[in-house]
Amino acid sequence: MNKVMLIGNVGQEPEVRYVDQGIACARLRLATTERAYTLQNGTQVPEHTDWHNVILWRRLAEIVEQYVHKGDKLYIEGRIRYSTYDDKQGQRRNVTEIWADNMEMLTPKSAAGAE
């Protein structure tokens, strides 16, 4: 089973494009953060943030285009995809993306409208 569930904040304005026959495709960066904590022996573990590339298609992408902005909190459910490509210098690059099947906006409407 390939299933990913993330809750995080959008790091920059989403990028939305329309491909073949007007199908919407959105790309966004989502930051998930593990809070800092202290172990029983007193060792402090610092806060850690991971950045995820999220791809949304069709209606989800259209919703992202209309309502999702930098700083919004989202719940994303989808699957992880890996790919590779060669950059302009001939270097092999690895890409990890989350292809979203479901999205819920967690930022309250009053907070989103205040910006």
N, C-alpha and C. Protein backbone atom coordinates (compact mmCIF):
# COMPACT_ATOMS: atom_id res chain seq x y z
N MET A 1 0.85 -1.17 0.00
CA MET A 1 0.00 0.00 0.00
C MET A 1 0.89 1.23 0.00
N ASN A 2 0.56 2.19 -0.82
CA ASN A 2 1.31 3.44 -0.94
C ASN A 2 0.37 4.56 -0.52
N LYS A 3 0.46 5.00 0.75
CA LYS A 3 -0.43 6.03 1.28
C LYS A 3 0.36 7.00 2.15
N VAL A 4 0.14 8.29 1.90
CA VAL A 4 0.81 9.35 2.64
C VAL A 4 -0.26 10.28 3.19
N MET A 5 -0.11 10.66 4.47
CA MET A 5 -1.00 11.64 5.09
C MET A 5 -0.13 12.72 5.72
N LEU A 6 -0.35 13.97 5.33
CA LEU A 6 0.45 15.09 5.82
C LEU A 6 -0.44 16.21 6.31
N ILE A 7 -0.01 16.88 7.37
CA ILE A 7 -0.61 18.13 7.80
C ILE A 7 0.53 19.13 7.87
N GLY A 8 0.40 20.22 7.11
CA GLY A 8 1.48 21.19 7.08
C GLY A 8 1.03 22.52 6.53
N ASN A 9 2.00 23.41 6.37
CA ASN A 9 1.75 24.77 5.89
C ASN A 9 2.33 24.96 4.50
N VAL A 10 1.57 25.67 3.67
CA VAL A 10 2.00 25.96 2.30
C VAL A 10 3.14 26.97 2.37
N GLY A 11 4.27 26.66 1.72
CA GLY A 11 5.46 27.48 1.83
C GLY A 11 5.55 28.64 0.86
N GLN A 12 4.84 28.57 -0.26
CA GLN A 12 4.84 29.65 -1.24
C GLN A 12 3.55 29.55 -2.04
N GLU A 13 3.22 30.58 -2.79
CA GLU A 13 1.98 30.56 -3.56
C GLU A 13 1.99 29.35 -4.50
N PRO A 14 0.89 28.59 -4.55
CA PRO A 14 0.83 27.43 -5.44
C PRO A 14 0.96 27.84 -6.91
N GLU A 15 1.52 26.92 -7.69
CA GLU A 15 1.69 27.13 -9.13
C GLU A 15 0.65 26.25 -9.83
N VAL A 16 -0.22 26.85 -10.63
CA VAL A 16 -1.27 26.10 -11.32
C VAL A 16 -1.10 26.28 -12.82
N ARG A 17 -1.15 25.17 -13.52
CA ARG A 17 -1.05 25.16 -14.98
C ARG A 17 -2.20 24.35 -15.55
N TYR A 18 -2.51 24.63 -16.79
CA TYR A 18 -3.53 23.86 -17.48
C TYR A 18 -2.85 23.10 -18.62
N VAL A 19 -3.05 21.79 -18.63
CA VAL A 19 -2.42 20.93 -19.64
C VAL A 19 -3.49 20.46 -20.63
N ASP A 20 -3.21 19.40 -21.34
CA ASP A 20 -4.09 18.89 -22.39
C ASP A 20 -5.57 19.02 -22.07
N GLN A 21 -6.30 19.61 -22.99
CA GLN A 21 -7.75 19.74 -22.91
C GLN A 21 -8.21 20.45 -21.64
N GLY A 22 -7.41 21.40 -21.15
CA GLY A 22 -7.82 22.24 -20.02
C GLY A 22 -7.80 21.58 -18.67
N ILE A 23 -7.04 20.50 -18.51
CA ILE A 23 -6.95 19.82 -17.21
C ILE A 23 -5.99 20.60 -16.31
N ALA A 24 -6.48 20.97 -15.11
CA ALA A 24 -5.67 21.75 -14.17
C ALA A 24 -4.69 20.85 -13.42
N CYS A 25 -3.48 21.37 -13.22
CA CYS A 25 -2.44 20.70 -12.44
C CYS A 25 -1.82 21.74 -11.52
N ALA A 26 -1.86 21.48 -10.21
CA ALA A 26 -1.29 22.41 -9.24
C ALA A 26 -0.08 21.76 -8.57
N ARG A 27 0.89 22.59 -8.28
CA ARG A 27 2.11 22.16 -7.59
C ARG A 27 2.30 23.11 -6.42
N LEU A 28 2.53 22.53 -5.24
CA LEU A 28 2.79 23.37 -4.08
C LEU A 28 3.82 22.71 -3.19
N ARG A 29 4.43 23.54 -2.34
CA ARG A 29 5.42 23.06 -1.36
C ARG A 29 4.75 23.10 0.00
N LEU A 30 4.81 21.98 0.70
CA LEU A 30 4.18 21.86 2.01
C LEU A 30 5.24 21.56 3.06
N ALA A 31 5.25 22.35 4.14
CA ALA A 31 6.21 22.15 5.23
C ALA A 31 5.52 21.43 6.37
N THR A 32 6.13 20.33 6.81
CA THR A 32 5.65 19.62 8.00
C THR A 32 6.74 19.74 9.05
N THR A 33 6.32 20.00 10.29
CA THR A 33 7.29 20.25 11.35
C THR A 33 7.04 19.33 12.53
N GLU A 34 8.12 18.70 12.99
CA GLU A 34 8.09 17.94 14.24
C GLU A 34 8.58 18.88 15.33
N ARG A 35 7.80 19.04 16.35
CA ARG A 35 8.15 19.97 17.44
C ARG A 35 9.36 19.46 18.23
N ALA A 36 10.06 20.40 18.84
CA ALA A 36 11.18 20.07 19.71
C ALA A 36 10.65 19.39 20.97
N TYR A 37 11.47 18.53 21.55
CA TYR A 37 11.08 17.87 22.79
C TYR A 37 12.34 17.48 23.57
N THR A 38 12.14 17.11 24.83
CA THR A 38 13.24 16.70 25.69
C THR A 38 13.03 15.25 26.10
N LEU A 39 14.06 14.43 25.95
CA LEU A 39 14.01 13.02 26.35
C LEU A 39 14.06 12.92 27.87
N GLN A 40 13.72 11.76 28.41
CA GLN A 40 13.73 11.56 29.86
C GLN A 40 15.11 11.78 30.47
N ASN A 41 16.17 11.51 29.68
CA ASN A 41 17.52 11.70 30.21
C ASN A 41 18.00 13.15 30.09
N GLY A 42 17.12 14.05 29.62
CA GLY A 42 17.46 15.47 29.54
C GLY A 42 17.97 15.93 28.18
N THR A 43 18.19 14.99 27.26
CA THR A 43 18.66 15.36 25.93
C THR A 43 17.56 16.11 25.18
N GLN A 44 17.93 17.25 24.63
CA GLN A 44 16.95 18.03 23.89
C GLN A 44 17.03 17.70 22.40
N VAL A 45 15.89 17.40 21.82
CA VAL A 45 15.79 17.12 20.39
C VAL A 45 15.19 18.36 19.73
N PRO A 46 15.92 18.98 18.79
CA PRO A 46 15.43 20.23 18.20
C PRO A 46 14.27 20.01 17.23
N GLU A 47 13.57 21.11 16.93
CA GLU A 47 12.49 21.10 15.95
C GLU A 47 13.06 20.72 14.59
N HIS A 48 12.26 20.00 13.79
CA HIS A 48 12.73 19.57 12.47
C HIS A 48 11.60 19.78 11.45
N THR A 49 11.93 20.45 10.33
CA THR A 49 10.95 20.70 9.28
C THR A 49 11.36 19.98 8.01
N ASP A 50 10.39 19.29 7.39
CA ASP A 50 10.58 18.65 6.09
C ASP A 50 9.71 19.37 5.07
N TRP A 51 10.21 19.47 3.84
CA TRP A 51 9.47 20.10 2.75
C TRP A 51 9.05 19.03 1.75
N HIS A 52 7.79 19.10 1.33
CA HIS A 52 7.22 18.10 0.42
C HIS A 52 6.70 18.79 -0.84
N ASN A 53 6.97 18.18 -1.99
CA ASN A 53 6.41 18.65 -3.25
C ASN A 53 5.08 17.92 -3.46
N VAL A 54 3.99 18.67 -3.55
CA VAL A 54 2.67 18.08 -3.67
C VAL A 54 2.09 18.43 -5.03
N ILE A 55 1.55 17.42 -5.72
CA ILE A 55 0.92 17.59 -7.03
C ILE A 55 -0.56 17.28 -6.89
N LEU A 56 -1.40 18.18 -7.39
CA LEU A 56 -2.85 17.98 -7.35
C LEU A 56 -3.39 18.16 -8.76
N TRP A 57 -4.37 17.34 -9.13
CA TRP A 57 -4.92 17.35 -10.48
C TRP A 57 -6.41 17.70 -10.47
N ARG A 58 -6.88 18.14 -11.59
CA ARG A 58 -8.28 18.41 -11.91
C ARG A 58 -8.96 19.31 -10.88
N ARG A 59 -10.04 18.85 -10.27
CA ARG A 59 -10.84 19.69 -9.38
C ARG A 59 -10.04 20.14 -8.16
N LEU A 60 -9.20 19.26 -7.62
CA LEU A 60 -8.37 19.67 -6.48
C LEU A 60 -7.45 20.83 -6.87
N ALA A 61 -6.90 20.77 -8.07
CA ALA A 61 -6.02 21.85 -8.54
C ALA A 61 -6.80 23.15 -8.71
N GLU A 62 -8.03 23.06 -9.20
CA GLU A 62 -8.86 24.26 -9.36
C GLU A 62 -9.18 24.88 -8.00
N ILE A 63 -9.44 24.04 -7.00
CA ILE A 63 -9.70 24.54 -5.64
C ILE A 63 -8.45 25.22 -5.08
N VAL A 64 -7.29 24.61 -5.31
CA VAL A 64 -6.03 25.20 -4.86
C VAL A 64 -5.85 26.58 -5.50
N GLU A 65 -6.11 26.67 -6.79
CA GLU A 65 -5.95 27.93 -7.51
C GLU A 65 -6.81 29.04 -6.91
N GLN A 66 -8.04 28.70 -6.50
CA GLN A 66 -8.97 29.70 -5.97
C GLN A 66 -8.73 30.04 -4.50
N TYR A 67 -8.44 29.04 -3.68
CA TYR A 67 -8.54 29.24 -2.24
C TYR A 67 -7.26 29.07 -1.43
N VAL A 68 -6.23 28.43 -1.98
CA VAL A 68 -5.03 28.12 -1.18
C VAL A 68 -3.94 29.15 -1.43
N HIS A 69 -3.36 29.64 -0.34
CA HIS A 69 -2.31 30.66 -0.43
C HIS A 69 -1.16 30.30 0.52
N LYS A 70 -0.05 30.99 0.34
CA LYS A 70 1.11 30.82 1.20
C LYS A 70 0.70 30.97 2.66
N GLY A 71 1.16 30.04 3.51
CA GLY A 71 0.87 30.09 4.93
C GLY A 71 -0.34 29.29 5.36
N ASP A 72 -1.20 28.90 4.42
CA ASP A 72 -2.40 28.12 4.77
C ASP A 72 -2.00 26.73 5.27
N LYS A 73 -2.79 26.22 6.21
CA LYS A 73 -2.57 24.87 6.74
C LYS A 73 -3.47 23.91 5.96
N LEU A 74 -2.87 22.80 5.48
CA LEU A 74 -3.60 21.80 4.70
C LEU A 74 -3.40 20.40 5.25
N TYR A 75 -4.41 19.58 5.04
CA TYR A 75 -4.30 18.13 5.23
C TYR A 75 -4.26 17.55 3.83
N ILE A 76 -3.24 16.78 3.53
CA ILE A 76 -3.07 16.15 2.23
C ILE A 76 -3.02 14.64 2.41
N GLU A 77 -3.76 13.95 1.58
CA GLU A 77 -3.75 12.49 1.57
C GLU A 77 -3.46 12.07 0.13
N GLY A 78 -2.51 11.18 -0.05
CA GLY A 78 -2.17 10.76 -1.40
C GLY A 78 -1.17 9.64 -1.40
N ARG A 79 -0.38 9.60 -2.46
CA ARG A 79 0.63 8.54 -2.60
C ARG A 79 1.96 9.17 -3.00
N ILE A 80 3.03 8.49 -2.65
CA ILE A 80 4.37 9.02 -2.91
C ILE A 80 4.84 8.49 -4.26
N ARG A 81 5.50 9.36 -5.02
CA ARG A 81 6.03 8.99 -6.33
C ARG A 81 7.48 9.43 -6.42
N TYR A 82 8.32 8.56 -6.96
CA TYR A 82 9.73 8.86 -7.17
C TYR A 82 10.02 8.89 -8.66
N SER A 83 10.87 9.81 -9.09
CA SER A 83 11.31 9.82 -10.48
C SER A 83 12.72 10.38 -10.54
N THR A 84 13.36 10.20 -11.68
CA THR A 84 14.70 10.73 -11.89
C THR A 84 14.75 11.44 -13.23
N TYR A 85 15.68 12.39 -13.34
CA TYR A 85 15.90 13.08 -14.61
C TYR A 85 17.34 13.57 -14.63
N ASP A 86 17.81 13.92 -15.82
CA ASP A 86 19.14 14.50 -15.98
C ASP A 86 18.99 16.00 -16.16
N ASP A 87 19.70 16.79 -15.32
CA ASP A 87 19.60 18.25 -15.41
C ASP A 87 20.45 18.76 -16.58
N LYS A 88 20.51 20.09 -16.74
CA LYS A 88 21.22 20.70 -17.87
C LYS A 88 22.71 20.38 -17.87
N GLN A 89 23.28 20.12 -16.69
CA GLN A 89 24.71 19.80 -16.59
C GLN A 89 24.96 18.28 -16.72
N GLY A 90 23.90 17.51 -16.97
CA GLY A 90 24.06 16.07 -17.11
C GLY A 90 24.05 15.31 -15.80
N GLN A 91 23.76 15.98 -14.70
CA GLN A 91 23.71 15.33 -13.39
C GLN A 91 22.38 14.61 -13.22
N ARG A 92 22.43 13.42 -12.69
CA ARG A 92 21.21 12.66 -12.41
C ARG A 92 20.56 13.23 -11.15
N ARG A 93 19.27 13.59 -11.23
CA ARG A 93 18.53 14.16 -10.11
C ARG A 93 17.36 13.25 -9.75
N ASN A 94 17.12 13.13 -8.45
CA ASN A 94 16.00 12.35 -7.95
C ASN A 94 14.91 13.30 -7.46
N VAL A 95 13.66 12.97 -7.74
CA VAL A 95 12.54 13.79 -7.35
C VAL A 95 11.56 12.93 -6.57
N THR A 96 11.10 13.45 -5.44
CA THR A 96 10.07 12.78 -4.64
C THR A 96 8.87 13.72 -4.59
N GLU A 97 7.71 13.20 -4.99
CA GLU A 97 6.49 14.01 -5.01
C GLU A 97 5.37 13.26 -4.32
N ILE A 98 4.43 14.03 -3.78
CA ILE A 98 3.21 13.48 -3.21
C ILE A 98 2.10 13.80 -4.19
N TRP A 99 1.47 12.78 -4.77
CA TRP A 99 0.34 12.96 -5.68
C TRP A 99 -0.92 12.87 -4.84
N ALA A 100 -1.57 14.00 -4.64
CA ALA A 100 -2.70 14.09 -3.72
C ALA A 100 -3.97 13.50 -4.32
N ASP A 101 -4.67 12.72 -3.48
CA ASP A 101 -5.99 12.19 -3.82
C ASP A 101 -7.08 12.95 -3.08
N ASN A 102 -6.70 13.56 -1.95
CA ASN A 102 -7.66 14.26 -1.10
C ASN A 102 -6.95 15.44 -0.44
N MET A 103 -7.70 16.52 -0.22
CA MET A 103 -7.14 17.69 0.44
C MET A 103 -8.23 18.33 1.29
N GLU A 104 -7.84 18.75 2.49
CA GLU A 104 -8.75 19.52 3.34
C GLU A 104 -8.03 20.77 3.77
N MET A 105 -8.73 21.90 3.69
CA MET A 105 -8.15 23.17 4.12
C MET A 105 -8.43 23.32 5.61
N LEU A 106 -7.37 23.52 6.40
CA LEU A 106 -7.47 23.58 7.84
C LEU A 106 -7.38 25.00 8.38
N THR A 107 -7.01 25.96 7.54
CA THR A 107 -6.93 27.36 7.98
C THR A 107 -8.35 27.91 8.08
N PRO A 108 -8.72 28.48 9.23
CA PRO A 108 -10.06 29.05 9.36
C PRO A 108 -10.31 30.14 8.32
N LYS A 109 -11.55 30.26 7.85
CA LYS A 109 -11.88 31.25 6.81
C LYS A 109 -11.56 32.66 7.27
N SER A 110 -11.79 32.97 8.55
CA SER A 110 -11.51 34.33 9.03
C SER A 110 -10.02 34.66 8.95
N ALA A 111 -9.16 33.68 9.23
CA ALA A 111 -7.71 33.91 9.17
C ALA A 111 -7.26 34.03 7.72
N ALA A 112 -7.84 33.23 6.83
CA ALA A 112 -7.44 33.27 5.42
C ALA A 112 -7.88 34.57 4.77
N GLY A 113 -9.05 35.10 5.15
CA GLY A 113 -9.55 36.32 4.55
C GLY A 113 -8.90 37.58 5.09
N ALA A 114 -8.22 37.49 6.22
CA ALA A 114 -7.61 38.65 6.85
C ALA A 114 -6.38 39.14 6.12
N GLU A 115 -5.77 38.30 5.27
CA GLU A 115 -4.52 38.68 4.62
C GLU A 115 -4.74 39.57 3.43
